[in-house]
Amino acid sequence: MIKLTTREHEVIALIAQGLSNKLVGDKLGLAEGTVKFHLRNISKKYKTRSRVVCAVRWALDGQRRSETAPEKDMTQTKSLGQR
């Protein structure tokens, strides 16, 4: 799986929602050029030039991560009301 920085995750998550670079920048408090910079880095990591392919691969990576993550054993967890 591809390792992205926290900011790259934030950018590609908004791109995956269909936001433009300008809107991503507005939401994250970044200049549009900075969003493009992060998107270029993401594109290099995913070895594609398409923002759509980046978003799809990012989503699929997230799906794979959640499928392979160990499940938390909730039977051992006490609720706040139980002591």
PDB file of N, CA and C in Angstrom:
ATOM      1  N   MET A   1       0.827  -1.182   0.000  1.00  0.00           N
ATOM      2  CA  MET A   1       0.000   0.000   0.000  1.00  0.00           C
ATOM      3  C   MET A   1       0.878   1.255   0.000  1.00  0.00           C
ATOM      4  N   ILE A   2       0.368   2.283  -0.592  1.00  0.00           N
ATOM      5  CA  ILE A   2       1.101   3.523  -0.759  1.00  0.00           C
ATOM      6  C   ILE A   2       1.042   4.337   0.537  1.00  0.00           C
ATOM      7  N   LYS A   3       2.182   4.890   0.938  1.00  0.00           N
ATOM      8  CA  LYS A   3       2.231   5.739   2.128  1.00  0.00           C
ATOM      9  C   LYS A   3       2.057   7.188   1.706  1.00  0.00           C
ATOM     10  N   LEU A   4       1.038   7.825   2.256  1.00  0.00           N
ATOM     11  CA  LEU A   4       0.792   9.237   2.006  1.00  0.00           C
ATOM     12  C   LEU A   4       0.947  10.001   3.314  1.00  0.00           C
ATOM     13  N   THR A   5       1.332  11.271   3.185  1.00  0.00           N
ATOM     14  CA  THR A   5       1.400  12.122   4.361  1.00  0.00           C
ATOM     15  C   THR A   5      -0.027  12.443   4.817  1.00  0.00           C
ATOM     16  N   THR A   6      -0.143  12.978   6.003  1.00  0.00           N
ATOM     17  CA  THR A   6      -1.455  13.376   6.516  1.00  0.00           C
ATOM     18  C   THR A   6      -2.104  14.386   5.576  1.00  0.00           C
ATOM     19  N   ARG A   7      -1.339  15.371   5.128  1.00  0.00           N
ATOM     20  CA  ARG A   7      -1.880  16.399   4.240  1.00  0.00           C
ATOM     21  C   ARG A   7      -2.294  15.789   2.899  1.00  0.00           C
ATOM     22  N   GLU A   8      -1.513  14.856   2.379  1.00  0.00           N
ATOM     23  CA  GLU A   8      -1.879  14.196   1.126  1.00  0.00           C
ATOM     24  C   GLU A   8      -3.187  13.428   1.293  1.00  0.00           C
ATOM     25  N   HIS A   9      -3.372  12.784   2.434  1.00  0.00           N
ATOM     26  CA  HIS A   9      -4.644  12.098   2.708  1.00  0.00           C
ATOM     27  C   HIS A   9      -5.796  13.088   2.712  1.00  0.00           C
ATOM     28  N   GLU A  10      -5.590  14.229   3.349  1.00  0.00           N
ATOM     29  CA  GLU A  10      -6.641  15.246   3.400  1.00  0.00           C
ATOM     30  C   GLU A  10      -6.998  15.737   2.004  1.00  0.00           C
ATOM     31  N   VAL A  11      -5.975  15.982   1.197  1.00  0.00           N
ATOM     32  CA  VAL A  11      -6.195  16.482  -0.166  1.00  0.00           C
ATOM     33  C   VAL A  11      -6.920  15.438  -1.008  1.00  0.00           C
ATOM     34  N   ILE A  12      -6.432  14.209  -1.024  1.00  0.00           N
ATOM     35  CA  ILE A  12      -7.034  13.200  -1.903  1.00  0.00           C
ATOM     36  C   ILE A  12      -8.429  12.811  -1.424  1.00  0.00           C
ATOM     37  N   ALA A  13      -8.687  12.904  -0.135  1.00  0.00           N
ATOM     38  CA  ALA A  13     -10.042  12.617   0.364  1.00  0.00           C
ATOM     39  C   ALA A  13     -11.036  13.619  -0.213  1.00  0.00           C
ATOM     40  N   LEU A  14     -10.650  14.875  -0.288  1.00  0.00           N
ATOM     41  CA  LEU A  14     -11.534  15.899  -0.850  1.00  0.00           C
ATOM     42  C   LEU A  14     -11.629  15.787  -2.370  1.00  0.00           C
ATOM     43  N   ILE A  15     -10.518  15.424  -3.006  1.00  0.00           N
ATOM     44  CA  ILE A  15     -10.526  15.186  -4.456  1.00  0.00           C
ATOM     45  C   ILE A  15     -11.484  14.036  -4.762  1.00  0.00           C
ATOM     46  N   ALA A  16     -11.445  12.990  -3.927  1.00  0.00           N
ATOM     47  CA  ALA A  16     -12.317  11.824  -4.119  1.00  0.00           C
ATOM     48  C   ALA A  16     -13.790  12.193  -3.976  1.00  0.00           C
ATOM     49  N   GLN A  17     -14.071  13.268  -3.254  1.00  0.00           N
ATOM     50  CA  GLN A  17     -15.453  13.745  -3.117  1.00  0.00           C
ATOM     51  C   GLN A  17     -15.870  14.609  -4.302  1.00  0.00           C
ATOM     52  N   GLY A  18     -14.936  14.834  -5.229  1.00  0.00           N
ATOM     53  CA  GLY A  18     -15.261  15.581  -6.441  1.00  0.00           C
ATOM     54  C   GLY A  18     -14.947  17.065  -6.386  1.00  0.00           C
ATOM     55  N   LEU A  19     -14.247  17.504  -5.337  1.00  0.00           N
ATOM     56  CA  LEU A  19     -13.929  18.919  -5.217  1.00  0.00           C
ATOM     57  C   LEU A  19     -12.807  19.318  -6.178  1.00  0.00           C
ATOM     58  N   SER A  20     -12.875  20.532  -6.644  1.00  0.00           N
ATOM     59  CA  SER A  20     -11.816  21.086  -7.495  1.00  0.00           C
ATOM     60  C   SER A  20     -10.613  21.449  -6.623  1.00  0.00           C
ATOM     61  N   ASN A  21      -9.474  21.687  -7.271  1.00  0.00           N
ATOM     62  CA  ASN A  21      -8.283  22.098  -6.530  1.00  0.00           C
ATOM     63  C   ASN A  21      -8.560  23.367  -5.729  1.00  0.00           C
ATOM     64  N   LYS A  22      -9.283  24.285  -6.329  1.00  0.00           N
ATOM     65  CA  LYS A  22      -9.609  25.556  -5.668  1.00  0.00           C
ATOM     66  C   LYS A  22     -10.429  25.303  -4.402  1.00  0.00           C
ATOM     67  N   LEU A  23     -11.456  24.469  -4.508  1.00  0.00           N
ATOM     68  CA  LEU A  23     -12.304  24.178  -3.343  1.00  0.00           C
ATOM     69  C   LEU A  23     -11.548  23.391  -2.268  1.00  0.00           C
ATOM     70  N   VAL A  24     -10.673  22.486  -2.687  1.00  0.00           N
ATOM     71  CA  VAL A  24      -9.847  21.751  -1.725  1.00  0.00           C
ATOM     72  C   VAL A  24      -8.991  22.752  -0.952  1.00  0.00           C
ATOM     73  N   GLY A  25      -8.373  23.666  -1.687  1.00  0.00           N
ATOM     74  CA  GLY A  25      -7.554  24.697  -1.050  1.00  0.00           C
ATOM     75  C   GLY A  25      -8.354  25.539  -0.077  1.00  0.00           C
ATOM     76  N   ASP A  26      -9.550  25.936  -0.488  1.00  0.00           N
ATOM     77  CA  ASP A  26     -10.411  26.736   0.398  1.00  0.00           C
ATOM     78  C   ASP A  26     -10.745  25.979   1.680  1.00  0.00           C
ATOM     79  N   LYS A  27     -11.072  24.696   1.552  1.00  0.00           N
ATOM     80  CA  LYS A  27     -11.442  23.885   2.721  1.00  0.00           C
ATOM     81  C   LYS A  27     -10.268  23.680   3.674  1.00  0.00           C
ATOM     82  N   LEU A  28      -9.059  23.520   3.103  1.00  0.00           N
ATOM     83  CA  LEU A  28      -7.894  23.211   3.926  1.00  0.00           C
ATOM     84  C   LEU A  28      -7.049  24.446   4.257  1.00  0.00           C
ATOM     85  N   GLY A  29      -7.449  25.588   3.744  1.00  0.00           N
ATOM     86  CA  GLY A  29      -6.678  26.805   3.990  1.00  0.00           C
ATOM     87  C   GLY A  29      -5.360  26.832   3.248  1.00  0.00           C
ATOM     88  N   LEU A  30      -5.362  26.263   2.037  1.00  0.00           N
ATOM     89  CA  LEU A  30      -4.154  26.190   1.212  1.00  0.00           C
ATOM     90  C   LEU A  30      -4.350  26.964  -0.084  1.00  0.00           C
ATOM     91  N   ALA A  31      -3.259  27.393  -0.661  1.00  0.00           N
ATOM     92  CA  ALA A  31      -3.315  27.990  -1.988  1.00  0.00           C
ATOM     93  C   ALA A  31      -3.577  26.880  -3.000  1.00  0.00           C
ATOM     94  N   GLU A  32      -4.201  27.230  -4.106  1.00  0.00           N
ATOM     95  CA  GLU A  32      -4.479  26.235  -5.147  1.00  0.00           C
ATOM     96  C   GLU A  32      -3.187  25.583  -5.642  1.00  0.00           C
ATOM     97  N   GLY A  33      -2.123  26.361  -5.734  1.00  0.00           N
ATOM     98  CA  GLY A  33      -0.823  25.816  -6.153  1.00  0.00           C
ATOM     99  C   GLY A  33      -0.293  24.769  -5.193  1.00  0.00           C
ATOM    100  N   THR A  34      -0.558  24.949  -3.905  1.00  0.00           N
ATOM    101  CA  THR A  34      -0.118  23.972  -2.901  1.00  0.00           C
ATOM    102  C   THR A  34      -0.908  22.673  -3.046  1.00  0.00           C
ATOM    103  N   VAL A  35      -2.187  22.801  -3.347  1.00  0.00           N
ATOM    104  CA  VAL A  35      -3.011  21.611  -3.589  1.00  0.00           C
ATOM    105  C   VAL A  35      -2.461  20.857  -4.790  1.00  0.00           C
ATOM    106  N   LYS A  36      -2.120  21.585  -5.851  1.00  0.00           N
ATOM    107  CA  LYS A  36      -1.548  20.951  -7.050  1.00  0.00           C
ATOM    108  C   LYS A  36      -0.233  20.255  -6.718  1.00  0.00           C
ATOM    109  N   PHE A  37       0.574  20.879  -5.873  1.00  0.00           N
ATOM    110  CA  PHE A  37       1.839  20.281  -5.438  1.00  0.00           C
ATOM    111  C   PHE A  37       1.579  18.931  -4.764  1.00  0.00           C
ATOM    112  N   HIS A  38       0.640  18.911  -3.810  1.00  0.00           N
ATOM    113  CA  HIS A  38       0.322  17.668  -3.112  1.00  0.00           C
ATOM    114  C   HIS A  38      -0.248  16.628  -4.082  1.00  0.00           C
ATOM    115  N   LEU A  39      -1.083  17.072  -4.993  1.00  0.00           N
ATOM    116  CA  LEU A  39      -1.674  16.155  -5.971  1.00  0.00           C
ATOM    117  C   LEU A  39      -0.606  15.569  -6.894  1.00  0.00           C
ATOM    118  N   ARG A  40       0.386  16.367  -7.259  1.00  0.00           N
ATOM    119  CA  ARG A  40       1.503  15.842  -8.072  1.00  0.00           C
ATOM    120  C   ARG A  40       2.255  14.764  -7.299  1.00  0.00           C
ATOM    121  N   ASN A  41       2.505  15.019  -6.014  1.00  0.00           N
ATOM    122  CA  ASN A  41       3.199  14.016  -5.189  1.00  0.00           C
ATOM    123  C   ASN A  41       2.385  12.735  -5.076  1.00  0.00           C
ATOM    124  N   ILE A  42       1.090  12.878  -4.888  1.00  0.00           N
ATOM    125  CA  ILE A  42       0.204  11.710  -4.814  1.00  0.00           C
ATOM    126  C   ILE A  42       0.238  10.961  -6.140  1.00  0.00           C
ATOM    127  N   SER A  43       0.176  11.691  -7.228  1.00  0.00           N
ATOM    128  CA  SER A  43       0.202  11.080  -8.564  1.00  0.00           C
ATOM    129  C   SER A  43       1.485  10.291  -8.787  1.00  0.00           C
ATOM    130  N   LYS A  44       2.605  10.836  -8.335  1.00  0.00           N
ATOM    131  CA  LYS A  44       3.885  10.117  -8.467  1.00  0.00           C
ATOM    132  C   LYS A  44       3.867   8.829  -7.662  1.00  0.00           C
ATOM    133  N   LYS A  45       3.327   8.900  -6.457  1.00  0.00           N
ATOM    134  CA  LYS A  45       3.287   7.715  -5.599  1.00  0.00           C
ATOM    135  C   LYS A  45       2.388   6.629  -6.187  1.00  0.00           C
ATOM    136  N   TYR A  46       1.289   7.027  -6.814  1.00  0.00           N
ATOM    137  CA  TYR A  46       0.382   6.058  -7.432  1.00  0.00           C
ATOM    138  C   TYR A  46       0.745   5.762  -8.887  1.00  0.00           C
ATOM    139  N   LYS A  47       1.779   6.435  -9.375  1.00  0.00           N
ATOM    140  CA  LYS A  47       2.288   6.224 -10.739  1.00  0.00           C
ATOM    141  C   LYS A  47       1.201   6.417 -11.799  1.00  0.00           C
ATOM    142  N   THR A  48       0.504   7.534 -11.676  1.00  0.00           N
ATOM    143  CA  THR A  48      -0.518   7.888 -12.651  1.00  0.00           C
ATOM    144  C   THR A  48      -0.589   9.400 -12.745  1.00  0.00           C
ATOM    145  N   ARG A  49      -1.136   9.899 -13.825  1.00  0.00           N
ATOM    146  CA  ARG A  49      -1.300  11.343 -13.978  1.00  0.00           C
ATOM    147  C   ARG A  49      -2.756  11.761 -13.809  1.00  0.00           C
ATOM    148  N   SER A  50      -3.617  10.814 -13.552  1.00  0.00           N
ATOM    149  CA  SER A  50      -5.051  11.079 -13.459  1.00  0.00           C
ATOM    150  C   SER A  50      -5.487  11.246 -12.000  1.00  0.00           C
ATOM    151  N   ARG A  51      -6.128  12.377 -11.718  1.00  0.00           N
ATOM    152  CA  ARG A  51      -6.629  12.603 -10.363  1.00  0.00           C
ATOM    153  C   ARG A  51      -7.730  11.612 -10.005  1.00  0.00           C
ATOM    154  N   VAL A  52      -8.494  11.184 -11.005  1.00  0.00           N
ATOM    155  CA  VAL A  52      -9.562  10.208 -10.775  1.00  0.00           C
ATOM    156  C   VAL A  52      -8.960   8.857 -10.386  1.00  0.00           C
ATOM    157  N   VAL A  53      -7.928   8.436 -11.108  1.00  0.00           N
ATOM    158  CA  VAL A  53      -7.269   7.165 -10.790  1.00  0.00           C
ATOM    159  C   VAL A  53      -6.635   7.240  -9.406  1.00  0.00           C
ATOM    160  N   CYS A  54      -6.031   8.376  -9.082  1.00  0.00           N
ATOM    161  CA  CYS A  54      -5.464   8.554  -7.735  1.00  0.00           C
ATOM    162  C   CYS A  54      -6.538   8.379  -6.671  1.00  0.00           C
ATOM    163  N   ALA A  55      -7.676   9.025  -6.868  1.00  0.00           N
ATOM    164  CA  ALA A  55      -8.759   8.956  -5.889  1.00  0.00           C
ATOM    165  C   ALA A  55      -9.289   7.533  -5.747  1.00  0.00           C
ATOM    166  N   VAL A  56      -9.438   6.836  -6.861  1.00  0.00           N
ATOM    167  CA  VAL A  56      -9.942   5.454  -6.816  1.00  0.00           C
ATOM    168  C   VAL A  56      -8.934   4.555  -6.109  1.00  0.00           C
ATOM    169  N   ARG A  57      -7.660   4.687  -6.458  1.00  0.00           N
ATOM    170  CA  ARG A  57      -6.639   3.856  -5.814  1.00  0.00           C
ATOM    171  C   ARG A  57      -6.546   4.156  -4.325  1.00  0.00           C
ATOM    172  N   TRP A  58      -6.660   5.429  -3.963  1.00  0.00           N
ATOM    173  CA  TRP A  58      -6.633   5.814  -2.554  1.00  0.00           C
ATOM    174  C   TRP A  58      -7.812   5.168  -1.813  1.00  0.00           C
ATOM    175  N   ALA A  59      -8.979   5.222  -2.422  1.00  0.00           N
ATOM    176  CA  ALA A  59     -10.172   4.630  -1.801  1.00  0.00           C
ATOM    177  C   ALA A  59     -10.004   3.123  -1.655  1.00  0.00           C
ATOM    178  N   LEU A  60      -9.476   2.483  -2.673  1.00  0.00           N
ATOM    179  CA  LEU A  60      -9.262   1.036  -2.606  1.00  0.00           C
ATOM    180  C   LEU A  60      -8.219   0.682  -1.560  1.00  0.00           C
ATOM    181  N   ASP A  61      -7.160   1.487  -1.439  1.00  0.00           N
ATOM    182  CA  ASP A  61      -6.157   1.252  -0.397  1.00  0.00           C
ATOM    183  C   ASP A  61      -6.794   1.343   0.980  1.00  0.00           C
ATOM    184  N   GLY A  62      -7.658   2.319   1.177  1.00  0.00           N
ATOM    185  CA  GLY A  62      -8.350   2.478   2.456  1.00  0.00           C
ATOM    186  C   GLY A  62      -9.237   1.298   2.755  1.00  0.00           C
ATOM    187  N   GLN A  63      -9.891   0.788   1.732  1.00  0.00           N
ATOM    188  CA  GLN A  63     -10.763  -0.379   1.890  1.00  0.00           C
ATOM    189  C   GLN A  63      -9.933  -1.592   2.292  1.00  0.00           C
ATOM    190  N   ARG A  64      -8.783  -1.764   1.641  1.00  0.00           N
ATOM    191  CA  ARG A  64      -7.913  -2.888   1.975  1.00  0.00           C
ATOM    192  C   ARG A  64      -7.383  -2.768   3.390  1.00  0.00           C
ATOM    193  N   ARG A  65      -7.035  -1.552   3.796  1.00  0.00           N
ATOM    194  CA  ARG A  65      -6.536  -1.343   5.159  1.00  0.00           C
ATOM    195  C   ARG A  65      -7.584  -1.724   6.187  1.00  0.00           C
ATOM    196  N   SER A  66      -8.826  -1.325   5.939  1.00  0.00           N
ATOM    197  CA  SER A  66      -9.876  -1.623   6.920  1.00  0.00           C
ATOM    198  C   SER A  66     -10.193  -3.114   6.955  1.00  0.00           C
ATOM    199  N   GLU A  67     -10.001  -3.799   5.841  1.00  0.00           N
ATOM    200  CA  GLU A  67     -10.253  -5.241   5.810  1.00  0.00           C
ATOM    201  C   GLU A  67      -9.168  -6.011   6.545  1.00  0.00           C
ATOM    202  N   THR A  68      -7.939  -5.476   6.559  1.00  0.00           N
ATOM    203  CA  THR A  68      -6.823  -6.192   7.171  1.00  0.00           C
ATOM    204  C   THR A  68      -6.533  -5.712   8.581  1.00  0.00           C
ATOM    205  N   ALA A  69      -7.195  -4.634   9.021  1.00  0.00           N
ATOM    206  CA  ALA A  69      -6.961  -4.113  10.372  1.00  0.00           C
ATOM    207  C   ALA A  69      -7.519  -5.091  11.404  1.00  0.00           C
ATOM    208  N   PRO A  70      -6.788  -5.275  12.492  1.00  0.00           N
ATOM    209  CA  PRO A  70      -7.301  -6.183  13.531  1.00  0.00           C
ATOM    210  C   PRO A  70      -8.553  -5.587  14.175  1.00  0.00           C
ATOM    211  N   GLU A  71      -9.509  -6.461  14.422  1.00  0.00           N
ATOM    212  CA  GLU A  71     -10.750  -6.000  15.045  1.00  0.00           C
ATOM    213  C   GLU A  71     -10.529  -5.811  16.537  1.00  0.00           C
ATOM    214  N   LYS A  72     -11.141  -4.785  17.067  1.00  0.00           N
ATOM    215  CA  LYS A  72     -11.039  -4.504  18.492  1.00  0.00           C
ATOM    216  C   LYS A  72     -12.007  -5.412  19.239  1.00  0.00           C
ATOM    217  N   ASP A  73     -11.516  -6.028  20.286  1.00  0.00           N
ATOM    218  CA  ASP A  73     -12.355  -6.909  21.094  1.00  0.00           C
ATOM    219  C   ASP A  73     -13.184  -6.065  22.048  1.00  0.00           C
ATOM    220  N   MET A  74     -14.450  -5.878  21.732  1.00  0.00           N
ATOM    221  CA  MET A  74     -15.327  -5.022  22.509  1.00  0.00           C
ATOM    222  C   MET A  74     -15.894  -5.746  23.727  1.00  0.00           C
ATOM    223  N   THR A  75     -15.711  -7.051  23.825  1.00  0.00           N
ATOM    224  CA  THR A  75     -16.260  -7.781  24.962  1.00  0.00           C
ATOM    225  C   THR A  75     -15.512  -7.444  26.247  1.00  0.00           C
ATOM    226  N   GLN A  76     -14.264  -6.995  26.125  1.00  0.00           N
ATOM    227  CA  GLN A  76     -13.446  -6.666  27.285  1.00  0.00           C
ATOM    228  C   GLN A  76     -13.606  -5.211  27.708  1.00  0.00           C
ATOM    229  N   THR A  77     -14.301  -4.410  26.915  1.00  0.00           N
ATOM    230  CA  THR A  77     -14.450  -2.986  27.174  1.00  0.00           C
ATOM    231  C   THR A  77     -15.663  -2.737  28.057  1.00  0.00           C
ATOM    232  N   LYS A  78     -15.479  -1.987  29.124  1.00  0.00           N
ATOM    233  CA  LYS A  78     -16.590  -1.634  30.011  1.00  0.00           C
ATOM    234  C   LYS A  78     -17.180  -0.302  29.544  1.00  0.00           C
ATOM    235  N   SER A  79     -18.477  -0.202  29.616  1.00  0.00           N
ATOM    236  CA  SER A  79     -19.095   1.080  29.301  1.00  0.00           C
ATOM    237  C   SER A  79     -18.940   2.002  30.485  1.00  0.00           C
ATOM    238  N   LEU A  80     -19.175   3.288  30.270  1.00  0.00           N
ATOM    239  CA  LEU A  80     -19.005   4.275  31.336  1.00  0.00           C
ATOM    240  C   LEU A  80     -19.927   3.998  32.515  1.00  0.00           C
ATOM    241  N   GLY A  81     -21.107   3.450  32.269  1.00  0.00           N
ATOM    242  CA  GLY A  81     -22.060   3.207  33.339  1.00  0.00           C
ATOM    243  C   GLY A  81     -21.752   1.981  34.182  1.00  0.00           C
ATOM    244  N   GLN A  82     -20.898   1.092  33.689  1.00  0.00           N
ATOM    245  CA  GLN A  82     -20.577  -0.143  34.412  1.00  0.00           C
ATOM    246  C   GLN A  82     -19.248  -0.002  35.115  1.00  0.00           C
ATOM    247  N   ARG A  83     -19.221  -0.225  36.392  1.00  0.00           N
ATOM    248  CA  ARG A  83     -17.955  -0.163  37.143  1.00  0.00           C
ATOM    249  C   ARG A  83     -17.851  -1.326  38.068  1.00  0.00           C
TER     250      ARG A  83
END
